[in-house]
Structure formats: C-alpha cells, structure tokens
Amino acid sequence: MGTNMIGITGATGQLGRLVIGQLVEEGLGSRIVALVRDPAKAADLAALGVAVRAADYDAPEGLLPALAGVDRLLLISGNAVGQRVAQHRAVIEAAREAGVGFVAYTSVLHADTSPIGLAEEHRQTEAALRASGLAFALLRNGWYMENYLGGIAPALQFGVMMGSSGAGRIAAATRADLAAAAAAVLAGGGEHNGQTYELAADTAFTMADFAAEIARQSGKPVVYRDMAEADYAKALEGAGLPPPVAAMIAQSSASAASDALFDDSRTISRLTGRPTTGHSAAIAAALAV
C-alpha cells in the first residue's frame, strides 16, 4: 500500500463516513485507510476503493498494526463518555510507535475554557497529544446542527422546544461542514501542524430563533420554553432518558446560555473555501425529509 496514507478512526460513524466521502470526492480514495471496530460494517467504504482495517479503541494490541503506513491520522473522539481518555491515549501511543506523521483530533469548541462537562476528557486528550511529540492539529468541533434538527418532530407534535440555553448564541454546524473542514486539514500539509481550529458555523442562533424558524417554515405554532437546568434534566428523564444522560444534556444546554457554544471566527469557511449551512437552510432540508 505504501506510505503517505490517511487514516480515519471511527470510520463507520456518521462523521467518519462524511470525511471519507469528502476525501474520495477529492480523488484521495486510494490513500484512505478506514479504521473500524467491525470491518463487516464497512463494506460500503471498501466499495469506494478505501482500505478497511480493524481498529478498536479498547483493544490497544491491534492499533499498532492497523496504523502501519499511515502518515496522517484523524482521531475521531469516541462516544464512551468516561472511558475516552484511556481510549484516545491508546491511539496516540500507537500512532507514535507506528511513526504517524500527523494527528488531527476532534475536540470540542473552546475546550480549554469550556464549562461543558464533556470538555474535560477533551482537555486531557489534547494534553496527551501535546506530550506525545507528534505533530498534531486540534479540530475543536462545535455542537452538531443535527443535535437540534432531531428536536423538530417533537416540537411540531407538542408545539414547544425545551432547554436551558436562555438567550445564548449557538453556532452549531452541520456534520457535513465539520467533515469538510477535517478533510481539508487531512489533505493539507505542514501548515496545519500545531494549529487549533475552533470550528463553528458562520452564523449563530438562539433557541428562540430556532423554534421561531421551525414555526415559520412549517406554519405550525412552535415556541421555546426556557427552564432551570434541574427542571430540564427532570423533563428529559420523564421523556425516557437515563438520569446521567439527562443531566449531561441539561448541563450542556445551560452552559450554552453563557455562549459556550458560540464562535464567530468563521474557521470552517476559511478551511473549506465556502460558507457553512445556516440553521434556516438546515431546518428546510429536515422538513423536506
């Protein structure tokens, strides 16, 4: 296969598939190594001409051979909250031993100062990268627009969107826009070494804005109901979420009230050379489906 390959961890996840799709469109499919927990679930990626290798964050012994020949690696953060630091460190150590030349890591927006509880594992992973001696870039992703689009159906059903974000500005970006930014970094070169990219949409919205836009486009009444963090957590529990998950979501929502999910650097646009998708267009696409 040779060297100068681009590895993508978590390649069968929603973000990983989009990054690979972007790189394939750019003619780089023959250089891609899709690193996946279960290769049987990556047949569609193999059909694109992408190499598929087994790589499990929880099986460190398999990571080193999986990274053989990989020069540039996208480390997509895992979803096992509470276990991610150990998982990420295992990948970073394997990358160092394998001679990977560059690692891009999907962190969280303003990880160094973010009050969001989920940011701590990202801070520790960023520290591990800095200590590794590897060349790296931090892709600090803002909240996915899809996190909010998923609330459209119940909002239309009940006429309300709930949260604890107050009038906080939220610069959520679509997964496609975040994937395009990651692909731009992976396809680039040394200019990305040591860079920290705060990745958010060009424009922001408040939750009241979001609810009003759903109402405008659908022609149905939808309003935003702001709640205390504890009350929102209880409401989420009432909707069937486990208490720890409900608490995590409510805490993140409350953090957004102080603009924890806002950034106006337009870094995605600068990396991709095109504007990001705003909430109005994203809502329109979701309603069309």
C-alpha atoms as a PDB file:
ATOM      1  CA  MET A   1       0.000   0.000   0.000  1.00  0.00           C
ATOM      2  CA  GLY A   2       2.931   2.316   0.605  1.00  0.00           C
ATOM      3  CA  THR A   3       3.164   5.308   2.862  1.00  0.00           C
ATOM      4  CA  ASN A   4       1.559   8.744   2.928  1.00  0.00           C
ATOM      5  CA  MET A   5      -1.778   7.176   3.754  1.00  0.00           C
ATOM      6  CA  ILE A   6      -4.651   8.967   5.522  1.00  0.00           C
ATOM      7  CA  GLY A   7      -6.199   7.036   8.398  1.00  0.00           C
ATOM      8  CA  ILE A   8      -9.674   7.740   9.790  1.00  0.00           C
ATOM      9  CA  THR A   9     -10.684   6.215  13.115  1.00  0.00           C
ATOM     10  CA  GLY A  10     -14.342   5.594  13.840  1.00  0.00           C
ATOM     11  CA  ALA A  11     -14.779   5.464  10.080  1.00  0.00           C
ATOM     12  CA  THR A  12     -18.220   3.864  10.131  1.00  0.00           C
ATOM     13  CA  GLY A  13     -19.618   6.618  12.360  1.00  0.00           C
ATOM     14  CA  GLN A  14     -21.632   9.473  10.907  1.00  0.00           C
ATOM     15  CA  LEU A  15     -18.758  11.971  10.905  1.00  0.00           C
ATOM     16  CA  GLY A  16     -16.165   9.454   9.743  1.00  0.00           C
ATOM     17  CA  ARG A  17     -18.227   8.410   6.725  1.00  0.00           C
ATOM     18  CA  LEU A  18     -18.681  12.045   5.716  1.00  0.00           C
ATOM     19  CA  VAL A  19     -14.949  12.774   5.989  1.00  0.00           C
ATOM     20  CA  ILE A  20     -14.151   9.766   3.836  1.00  0.00           C
ATOM     21  CA  GLY A  21     -16.804  10.763   1.306  1.00  0.00           C
ATOM     22  CA  GLN A  22     -15.263  14.237   1.057  1.00  0.00           C
ATOM     23  CA  LEU A  23     -11.758  12.851   0.556  1.00  0.00           C
ATOM     24  CA  VAL A  24     -12.991  10.398  -2.076  1.00  0.00           C
ATOM     25  CA  GLU A  25     -14.630  13.281  -3.949  1.00  0.00           C
ATOM     26  CA  GLU A  26     -11.248  14.998  -3.916  1.00  0.00           C
ATOM     27  CA  GLY A  27      -9.645  11.969  -5.572  1.00  0.00           C
ATOM     28  CA  LEU A  28      -7.860  10.691  -2.470  1.00  0.00           C
ATOM     29  CA  GLY A  29      -9.754   7.420  -2.061  1.00  0.00           C
ATOM     30  CA  SER A  30      -6.732   5.250  -2.821  1.00  0.00           C
ATOM     31  CA  ARG A  31      -4.869   6.852   0.080  1.00  0.00           C
ATOM     32  CA  ILE A  32      -7.547   6.292   2.734  1.00  0.00           C
ATOM     33  CA  VAL A  33      -7.417   3.690   5.485  1.00  0.00           C
ATOM     34  CA  ALA A  34     -10.770   3.293   7.238  1.00  0.00           C
ATOM     35  CA  LEU A  35     -10.093   2.170  10.807  1.00  0.00           C
ATOM     36  CA  VAL A  36     -13.176   0.463  12.176  1.00  0.00           C
ATOM     37  CA  ARG A  37     -14.202  -1.724  15.083  1.00  0.00           C
ATOM     38  CA  ASP A  38     -16.127  -4.125  12.830  1.00  0.00           C
ATOM     39  CA  PRO A  39     -14.908  -4.369   9.202  1.00  0.00           C
ATOM     40  CA  ALA A  40     -18.102  -6.210   8.273  1.00  0.00           C
ATOM     41  CA  LYS A  41     -19.960  -2.914   8.721  1.00  0.00           C
ATOM     42  CA  ALA A  42     -17.655  -1.106   6.301  1.00  0.00           C
ATOM     43  CA  ALA A  43     -18.470  -2.903   3.059  1.00  0.00           C
ATOM     44  CA  ASP A  44     -19.756   0.337   1.549  1.00  0.00           C
ATOM     45  CA  LEU A  45     -16.440   2.013   2.306  1.00  0.00           C
ATOM     46  CA  ALA A  46     -14.469  -0.846   0.773  1.00  0.00           C
ATOM     47  CA  ALA A  47     -16.630  -0.479  -2.336  1.00  0.00           C
ATOM     48  CA  LEU A  48     -15.282   3.066  -2.676  1.00  0.00           C
ATOM     49  CA  GLY A  49     -11.768   1.683  -3.006  1.00  0.00           C
ATOM     50  CA  VAL A  50     -10.903   2.535   0.586  1.00  0.00           C
ATOM     51  CA  ALA A  51      -8.711   0.148   2.586  1.00  0.00           C
ATOM     52  CA  VAL A  52     -10.512  -1.153   5.681  1.00  0.00           C
ATOM     53  CA  ARG A  53      -8.653  -2.286   8.797  1.00  0.00           C
ATOM     54  CA  ALA A  54      -9.840  -3.459  12.189  1.00  0.00           C
ATOM     55  CA  ALA A  55      -9.000  -0.985  14.957  1.00  0.00           C
ATOM     56  CA  ASP A  56     -10.760  -0.978  18.332  1.00  0.00           C
ATOM     57  CA  TYR A  57     -10.081   1.770  20.873  1.00  0.00           C
ATOM     58  CA  ASP A  58     -10.466  -0.870  23.594  1.00  0.00           C
ATOM     59  CA  ALA A  59      -8.016  -3.328  22.015  1.00  0.00           C
ATOM     60  CA  PRO A  60      -4.663  -1.495  22.063  1.00  0.00           C
ATOM     61  CA  GLU A  61      -2.747  -4.533  20.817  1.00  0.00           C
ATOM     62  CA  GLY A  62      -4.403  -4.199  17.412  1.00  0.00           C
ATOM     63  CA  LEU A  63      -3.849  -0.488  16.954  1.00  0.00           C
ATOM     64  CA  LEU A  64      -0.172  -0.575  16.007  1.00  0.00           C
ATOM     65  CA  PRO A  65      -0.564  -2.937  13.016  1.00  0.00           C
ATOM     66  CA  ALA A  66      -3.720  -1.066  11.970  1.00  0.00           C
ATOM     67  CA  LEU A  67      -1.708   2.148  11.685  1.00  0.00           C
ATOM     68  CA  ALA A  68       1.125   0.680   9.605  1.00  0.00           C
ATOM     69  CA  GLY A  69       1.934   3.045   6.735  1.00  0.00           C
ATOM     70  CA  VAL A  70      -0.462   5.762   7.923  1.00  0.00           C
ATOM     71  CA  ASP A  71       1.099   9.212   7.667  1.00  0.00           C
ATOM     72  CA  ARG A  72      -1.851  11.465   8.539  1.00  0.00           C
ATOM     73  CA  LEU A  73      -4.454  10.328  11.051  1.00  0.00           C
ATOM     74  CA  LEU A  74      -7.860  11.671  12.036  1.00  0.00           C
ATOM     75  CA  LEU A  75      -8.609  10.611  15.611  1.00  0.00           C
ATOM     76  CA  ILE A  76     -12.370  10.961  15.969  1.00  0.00           C
ATOM     77  CA  SER A  77     -13.244  11.121  19.647  1.00  0.00           C
ATOM     78  CA  GLY A  78     -15.032   8.063  20.987  1.00  0.00           C
ATOM     79  CA  ASN A  79     -18.559   8.082  22.364  1.00  0.00           C
ATOM     80  CA  ALA A  80     -17.942   6.105  25.558  1.00  0.00           C
ATOM     81  CA  VAL A  81     -18.105   9.010  27.994  1.00  0.00           C
ATOM     82  CA  GLY A  82     -15.875   8.323  30.980  1.00  0.00           C
ATOM     83  CA  GLN A  83     -13.603   5.956  29.056  1.00  0.00           C
ATOM     84  CA  ARG A  84     -12.429   8.199  26.266  1.00  0.00           C
ATOM     85  CA  VAL A  85      -9.173   9.481  27.754  1.00  0.00           C
ATOM     86  CA  ALA A  86      -7.728   5.965  28.053  1.00  0.00           C
ATOM     87  CA  GLN A  87      -9.038   5.076  24.591  1.00  0.00           C
ATOM     88  CA  HIS A  88      -7.570   8.165  22.981  1.00  0.00           C
ATOM     89  CA  ARG A  89      -4.230   7.745  24.747  1.00  0.00           C
ATOM     90  CA  ALA A  90      -4.002   4.206  23.377  1.00  0.00           C
ATOM     91  CA  VAL A  91      -4.452   5.511  19.822  1.00  0.00           C
ATOM     92  CA  ILE A  92      -1.954   8.330  20.367  1.00  0.00           C
ATOM     93  CA  GLU A  93       0.668   5.929  21.733  1.00  0.00           C
ATOM     94  CA  ALA A  94       0.132   3.523  18.835  1.00  0.00           C
ATOM     95  CA  ALA A  95       0.412   6.432  16.384  1.00  0.00           C
ATOM     96  CA  ARG A  96       3.717   7.443  17.955  1.00  0.00           C
ATOM     97  CA  GLU A  97       5.078   3.911  17.769  1.00  0.00           C
ATOM     98  CA  ALA A  98       3.858   3.470  14.191  1.00  0.00           C
ATOM     99  CA  GLY A  99       5.609   6.630  13.039  1.00  0.00           C
ATOM    100  CA  VAL A 100       2.449   8.504  12.090  1.00  0.00           C
ATOM    101  CA  GLY A 101       3.478  11.949  10.927  1.00  0.00           C
ATOM    102  CA  PHE A 102       0.418  13.979  11.931  1.00  0.00           C
ATOM    103  CA  VAL A 103      -2.706  13.533  14.055  1.00  0.00           C
ATOM    104  CA  ALA A 104      -5.854  15.663  13.863  1.00  0.00           C
ATOM    105  CA  TYR A 105      -8.159  15.218  16.848  1.00  0.00           C
ATOM    106  CA  THR A 106     -11.847  16.108  17.026  1.00  0.00           C
ATOM    107  CA  SER A 107     -12.090  18.010  20.302  1.00  0.00           C
ATOM    108  CA  VAL A 108     -14.846  20.364  21.489  1.00  0.00           C
ATOM    109  CA  LEU A 109     -15.293  24.087  20.890  1.00  0.00           C
ATOM    110  CA  HIS A 110     -13.050  26.191  23.158  1.00  0.00           C
ATOM    111  CA  ALA A 111     -12.045  23.048  25.047  1.00  0.00           C
ATOM    112  CA  ASP A 112      -9.505  24.898  27.181  1.00  0.00           C
ATOM    113  CA  THR A 113     -12.109  27.203  28.724  1.00  0.00           C
ATOM    114  CA  SER A 114     -15.435  25.432  28.092  1.00  0.00           C
ATOM    115  CA  PRO A 115     -17.701  24.960  31.136  1.00  0.00           C
ATOM    116  CA  ILE A 116     -19.388  21.996  29.467  1.00  0.00           C
ATOM    117  CA  GLY A 117     -18.807  18.840  31.474  1.00  0.00           C
ATOM    118  CA  LEU A 118     -17.876  16.829  28.390  1.00  0.00           C
ATOM    119  CA  ALA A 119     -14.916  19.141  27.753  1.00  0.00           C
ATOM    120  CA  GLU A 120     -12.724  17.624  30.467  1.00  0.00           C
ATOM    121  CA  GLU A 121     -11.984  14.425  28.543  1.00  0.00           C
ATOM    122  CA  HIS A 122     -11.120  16.532  25.505  1.00  0.00           C
ATOM    123  CA  ARG A 123      -8.764  18.696  27.572  1.00  0.00           C
ATOM    124  CA  GLN A 124      -6.963  15.583  28.794  1.00  0.00           C
ATOM    125  CA  THR A 125      -6.704  14.179  25.268  1.00  0.00           C
ATOM    126  CA  GLU A 126      -5.320  17.481  23.987  1.00  0.00           C
ATOM    127  CA  ALA A 127      -2.710  17.355  26.762  1.00  0.00           C
ATOM    128  CA  ALA A 128      -1.781  13.797  25.777  1.00  0.00           C
ATOM    129  CA  LEU A 129      -1.256  14.925  22.186  1.00  0.00           C
ATOM    130  CA  ARG A 130       0.956  17.793  23.278  1.00  0.00           C
ATOM    131  CA  ALA A 131       3.048  15.430  25.383  1.00  0.00           C
ATOM    132  CA  SER A 132       3.356  12.804  22.639  1.00  0.00           C
ATOM    133  CA  GLY A 133       5.861  14.610  20.453  1.00  0.00           C
ATOM    134  CA  LEU A 134       3.610  14.048  17.433  1.00  0.00           C
ATOM    135  CA  ALA A 135       2.726  16.808  15.007  1.00  0.00           C
ATOM    136  CA  PHE A 136      -0.969  17.497  15.507  1.00  0.00           C
ATOM    137  CA  ALA A 137      -3.897  19.836  14.999  1.00  0.00           C
ATOM    138  CA  LEU A 138      -6.921  20.304  17.228  1.00  0.00           C
ATOM    139  CA  LEU A 139     -10.265  20.306  15.444  1.00  0.00           C
ATOM    140  CA  ARG A 140     -12.465  21.803  18.139  1.00  0.00           C
ATOM    141  CA  ASN A 141     -15.911  20.990  16.851  1.00  0.00           C
ATOM    142  CA  GLY A 142     -18.925  22.967  17.952  1.00  0.00           C
ATOM    143  CA  TRP A 143     -22.260  21.272  18.560  1.00  0.00           C
ATOM    144  CA  TYR A 144     -23.718  19.429  15.607  1.00  0.00           C
ATOM    145  CA  MET A 145     -26.659  21.140  13.939  1.00  0.00           C
ATOM    146  CA  GLU A 146     -28.199  17.667  13.827  1.00  0.00           C
ATOM    147  CA  ASN A 147     -28.476  17.735  17.642  1.00  0.00           C
ATOM    148  CA  TYR A 148     -31.125  20.406  17.191  1.00  0.00           C
ATOM    149  CA  LEU A 149     -32.696  19.110  13.996  1.00  0.00           C
ATOM    150  CA  GLY A 150     -33.584  15.944  15.881  1.00  0.00           C
ATOM    151  CA  GLY A 151     -35.930  18.021  18.022  1.00  0.00           C
ATOM    152  CA  ILE A 152     -38.061  19.223  15.112  1.00  0.00           C
ATOM    153  CA  ALA A 153     -40.512  16.306  15.073  1.00  0.00           C
ATOM    154  CA  PRO A 154     -41.427  16.501  18.781  1.00  0.00           C
ATOM    155  CA  ALA A 155     -41.519  20.307  18.552  1.00  0.00           C
ATOM    156  CA  LEU A 156     -44.112  20.068  15.800  1.00  0.00           C
ATOM    157  CA  GLN A 157     -46.045  17.481  17.782  1.00  0.00           C
ATOM    158  CA  PHE A 158     -46.131  19.375  21.070  1.00  0.00           C
ATOM    159  CA  GLY A 159     -45.591  22.953  19.914  1.00  0.00           C
ATOM    160  CA  VAL A 160     -42.611  23.527  22.180  1.00  0.00           C
ATOM    161  CA  MET A 161     -38.847  23.111  22.333  1.00  0.00           C
ATOM    162  CA  MET A 162     -37.361  22.889  25.811  1.00  0.00           C
ATOM    163  CA  GLY A 163     -33.915  23.788  27.067  1.00  0.00           C
ATOM    164  CA  SER A 164     -31.806  25.794  29.480  1.00  0.00           C
ATOM    165  CA  SER A 165     -29.850  27.873  26.978  1.00  0.00           C
ATOM    166  CA  GLY A 166     -31.555  31.208  27.634  1.00  0.00           C
ATOM    167  CA  ALA A 167     -30.535  33.736  25.012  1.00  0.00           C
ATOM    168  CA  GLY A 168     -27.146  32.128  24.480  1.00  0.00           C
ATOM    169  CA  ARG A 169     -25.806  32.209  20.935  1.00  0.00           C
ATOM    170  CA  ILE A 170     -25.268  28.784  19.369  1.00  0.00           C
ATOM    171  CA  ALA A 171     -23.058  28.498  16.288  1.00  0.00           C
ATOM    172  CA  ALA A 172     -23.937  24.880  15.529  1.00  0.00           C
ATOM    173  CA  ALA A 173     -22.518  23.467  12.298  1.00  0.00           C
ATOM    174  CA  THR A 174     -23.713  20.531  10.238  1.00  0.00           C
ATOM    175  CA  ARG A 175     -21.712  17.316  10.313  1.00  0.00           C
ATOM    176  CA  ALA A 176     -21.088  17.814   6.593  1.00  0.00           C
ATOM    177  CA  ASP A 177     -19.449  21.198   7.204  1.00  0.00           C
ATOM    178  CA  LEU A 178     -17.328  19.834  10.051  1.00  0.00           C
ATOM    179  CA  ALA A 179     -16.334  16.861   7.903  1.00  0.00           C
ATOM    180  CA  ALA A 180     -15.294  19.168   5.068  1.00  0.00           C
ATOM    181  CA  ALA A 181     -13.069  21.114   7.456  1.00  0.00           C
ATOM    182  CA  ALA A 182     -11.472  17.908   8.734  1.00  0.00           C
ATOM    183  CA  ALA A 183     -10.903  16.695   5.179  1.00  0.00           C
ATOM    184  CA  ALA A 184      -9.216  19.990   4.282  1.00  0.00           C
ATOM    185  CA  VAL A 185      -6.784  19.563   7.170  1.00  0.00           C
ATOM    186  CA  LEU A 186      -6.059  15.919   6.330  1.00  0.00           C
ATOM    187  CA  ALA A 187      -5.477  16.715   2.668  1.00  0.00           C
ATOM    188  CA  GLY A 188      -3.153  19.576   3.565  1.00  0.00           C
ATOM    189  CA  GLY A 189       0.380  19.598   4.856  1.00  0.00           C
ATOM    190  CA  GLY A 190       2.668  21.096   7.435  1.00  0.00           C
ATOM    191  CA  GLU A 191       0.746  24.372   7.568  1.00  0.00           C
ATOM    192  CA  HIS A 192      -1.690  22.657   9.936  1.00  0.00           C
ATOM    193  CA  ASN A 193       0.929  21.445  12.413  1.00  0.00           C
ATOM    194  CA  GLY A 194       0.314  22.863  15.881  1.00  0.00           C
ATOM    195  CA  GLN A 195      -2.862  24.645  14.863  1.00  0.00           C
ATOM    196  CA  THR A 196      -6.017  24.879  16.983  1.00  0.00           C
ATOM    197  CA  TYR A 197      -9.143  25.298  14.898  1.00  0.00           C
ATOM    198  CA  GLU A 198     -12.343  26.479  16.576  1.00  0.00           C
ATOM    199  CA  LEU A 199     -14.933  25.013  14.224  1.00  0.00           C
ATOM    200  CA  ALA A 200     -18.386  26.562  14.252  1.00  0.00           C
ATOM    201  CA  ALA A 201     -20.913  27.876  11.760  1.00  0.00           C
ATOM    202  CA  ASP A 202     -20.606  31.321  10.211  1.00  0.00           C
ATOM    203  CA  THR A 203     -23.863  32.383  11.840  1.00  0.00           C
ATOM    204  CA  ALA A 204     -25.472  31.673  15.201  1.00  0.00           C
ATOM    205  CA  PHE A 205     -28.982  31.319  16.582  1.00  0.00           C
ATOM    206  CA  THR A 206     -30.668  31.304  19.958  1.00  0.00           C
ATOM    207  CA  MET A 207     -33.064  28.525  20.827  1.00  0.00           C
ATOM    208  CA  ALA A 208     -35.915  31.006  20.494  1.00  0.00           C
ATOM    209  CA  ASP A 209     -34.667  31.792  16.973  1.00  0.00           C
ATOM    210  CA  PHE A 210     -34.559  28.094  16.159  1.00  0.00           C
ATOM    211  CA  ALA A 211     -38.101  27.455  17.400  1.00  0.00           C
ATOM    212  CA  ALA A 212     -39.413  30.509  15.555  1.00  0.00           C
ATOM    213  CA  GLU A 213     -37.815  29.346  12.313  1.00  0.00           C
ATOM    214  CA  ILE A 214     -39.450  25.923  12.639  1.00  0.00           C
ATOM    215  CA  ALA A 215     -42.787  27.676  13.165  1.00  0.00           C
ATOM    216  CA  ARG A 216     -42.239  29.998  10.201  1.00  0.00           C
ATOM    217  CA  GLN A 217     -41.325  27.239   7.775  1.00  0.00           C
ATOM    218  CA  SER A 218     -43.846  24.666   8.960  1.00  0.00           C
ATOM    219  CA  GLY A 219     -46.749  27.026   9.520  1.00  0.00           C
ATOM    220  CA  LYS A 220     -47.346  25.380  12.893  1.00  0.00           C
ATOM    221  CA  PRO A 221     -47.008  27.007  16.335  1.00  0.00           C
ATOM    222  CA  VAL A 222     -43.658  26.241  17.985  1.00  0.00           C
ATOM    223  CA  VAL A 223     -42.128  28.192  20.881  1.00  0.00           C
ATOM    224  CA  TYR A 224     -39.025  27.811  23.006  1.00  0.00           C
ATOM    225  CA  ARG A 225     -39.543  27.172  26.710  1.00  0.00           C
ATOM    226  CA  ASP A 226     -36.510  28.047  28.809  1.00  0.00           C
ATOM    227  CA  MET A 227     -36.142  26.076  32.027  1.00  0.00           C
ATOM    228  CA  ALA A 228     -33.823  25.814  35.002  1.00  0.00           C
ATOM    229  CA  GLU A 229     -31.144  23.197  34.434  1.00  0.00           C
ATOM    230  CA  ALA A 230     -32.535  20.855  37.096  1.00  0.00           C
ATOM    231  CA  ASP A 231     -36.056  21.130  35.704  1.00  0.00           C
ATOM    232  CA  TYR A 232     -34.855  20.432  32.199  1.00  0.00           C
ATOM    233  CA  ALA A 233     -32.974  17.363  33.407  1.00  0.00           C
ATOM    234  CA  LYS A 234     -36.151  16.075  35.079  1.00  0.00           C
ATOM    235  CA  ALA A 235     -38.120  16.693  31.887  1.00  0.00           C
ATOM    236  CA  LEU A 236     -35.568  14.693  29.897  1.00  0.00           C
ATOM    237  CA  GLU A 237     -35.769  11.881  32.422  1.00  0.00           C
ATOM    238  CA  GLY A 238     -39.545  11.980  32.025  1.00  0.00           C
ATOM    239  CA  ALA A 239     -39.035  11.522  28.294  1.00  0.00           C
ATOM    240  CA  GLY A 240     -37.166   8.306  28.998  1.00  0.00           C
ATOM    241  CA  LEU A 241     -33.511   9.322  29.131  1.00  0.00           C
ATOM    242  CA  PRO A 242     -31.296   7.751  31.828  1.00  0.00           C
ATOM    243  CA  PRO A 243     -30.571  10.243  34.644  1.00  0.00           C
ATOM    244  CA  PRO A 244     -26.824  10.588  33.847  1.00  0.00           C
ATOM    245  CA  VAL A 245     -27.565  11.311  30.186  1.00  0.00           C
ATOM    246  CA  ALA A 246     -30.346  13.739  31.067  1.00  0.00           C
ATOM    247  CA  ALA A 247     -28.033  15.566  33.465  1.00  0.00           C
ATOM    248  CA  MET A 248     -25.268  15.768  30.844  1.00  0.00           C
ATOM    249  CA  ILE A 249     -27.609  17.212  28.211  1.00  0.00           C
ATOM    250  CA  ALA A 250     -29.123  19.705  30.643  1.00  0.00           C
ATOM    251  CA  GLN A 251     -25.688  20.850  31.819  1.00  0.00           C
ATOM    252  CA  SER A 252     -24.538  21.356  28.234  1.00  0.00           C
ATOM    253  CA  SER A 253     -27.714  23.301  27.438  1.00  0.00           C
ATOM    254  CA  ALA A 254     -27.257  25.513  30.488  1.00  0.00           C
ATOM    255  CA  SER A 255     -23.629  26.159  29.516  1.00  0.00           C
ATOM    256  CA  ALA A 256     -24.826  27.447  26.156  1.00  0.00           C
ATOM    257  CA  ALA A 257     -26.599  30.278  27.974  1.00  0.00           C
ATOM    258  CA  SER A 258     -23.175  31.872  28.506  1.00  0.00           C
ATOM    259  CA  ASP A 259     -22.201  31.459  24.824  1.00  0.00           C
ATOM    260  CA  ALA A 260     -20.190  28.277  25.423  1.00  0.00           C
ATOM    261  CA  LEU A 261     -21.347  27.051  22.005  1.00  0.00           C
ATOM    262  CA  PHE A 262     -20.623  30.314  20.175  1.00  0.00           C
ATOM    263  CA  ASP A 263     -17.672  31.236  17.985  1.00  0.00           C
ATOM    264  CA  ASP A 264     -17.512  33.811  15.198  1.00  0.00           C
ATOM    265  CA  SER A 265     -14.062  33.105  13.741  1.00  0.00           C
ATOM    266  CA  ARG A 266     -15.567  31.546  10.578  1.00  0.00           C
ATOM    267  CA  THR A 267     -12.757  28.998  10.622  1.00  0.00           C
ATOM    268  CA  ILE A 268     -14.741  26.305   8.790  1.00  0.00           C
ATOM    269  CA  SER A 269     -15.325  28.677   5.880  1.00  0.00           C
ATOM    270  CA  ARG A 270     -11.659  29.596   5.745  1.00  0.00           C
ATOM    271  CA  LEU A 271     -10.624  25.944   5.653  1.00  0.00           C
ATOM    272  CA  THR A 272     -13.219  24.817   3.109  1.00  0.00           C
ATOM    273  CA  GLY A 273     -13.495  27.933   0.958  1.00  0.00           C
ATOM    274  CA  ARG A 274     -17.284  28.035   1.173  1.00  0.00           C
ATOM    275  CA  PRO A 275     -19.904  29.309   3.627  1.00  0.00           C
ATOM    276  CA  THR A 276     -21.414  26.996   6.195  1.00  0.00           C
ATOM    277  CA  THR A 277     -25.042  25.845   6.233  1.00  0.00           C
ATOM    278  CA  GLY A 278     -27.196  28.101   8.427  1.00  0.00           C
ATOM    279  CA  HIS A 279     -29.997  26.906  10.670  1.00  0.00           C
ATOM    280  CA  SER A 280     -32.700  28.140   8.291  1.00  0.00           C
ATOM    281  CA  ALA A 281     -31.398  26.016   5.396  1.00  0.00           C
ATOM    282  CA  ALA A 282     -30.808  23.052   7.700  1.00  0.00           C
ATOM    283  CA  ILE A 283     -34.363  23.248   9.035  1.00  0.00           C
ATOM    284  CA  ALA A 284     -35.728  23.483   5.491  1.00  0.00           C
ATOM    285  CA  ALA A 285     -33.820  20.345   4.487  1.00  0.00           C
ATOM    286  CA  ALA A 286     -35.022  18.483   7.578  1.00  0.00           C
ATOM    287  CA  LEU A 287     -38.657  19.463   6.997  1.00  0.00           C
ATOM    288  CA  ALA A 288     -38.394  18.365   3.369  1.00  0.00           C
ATOM    289  CA  VAL A 289     -37.444  14.875   4.512  1.00  0.00           C
END
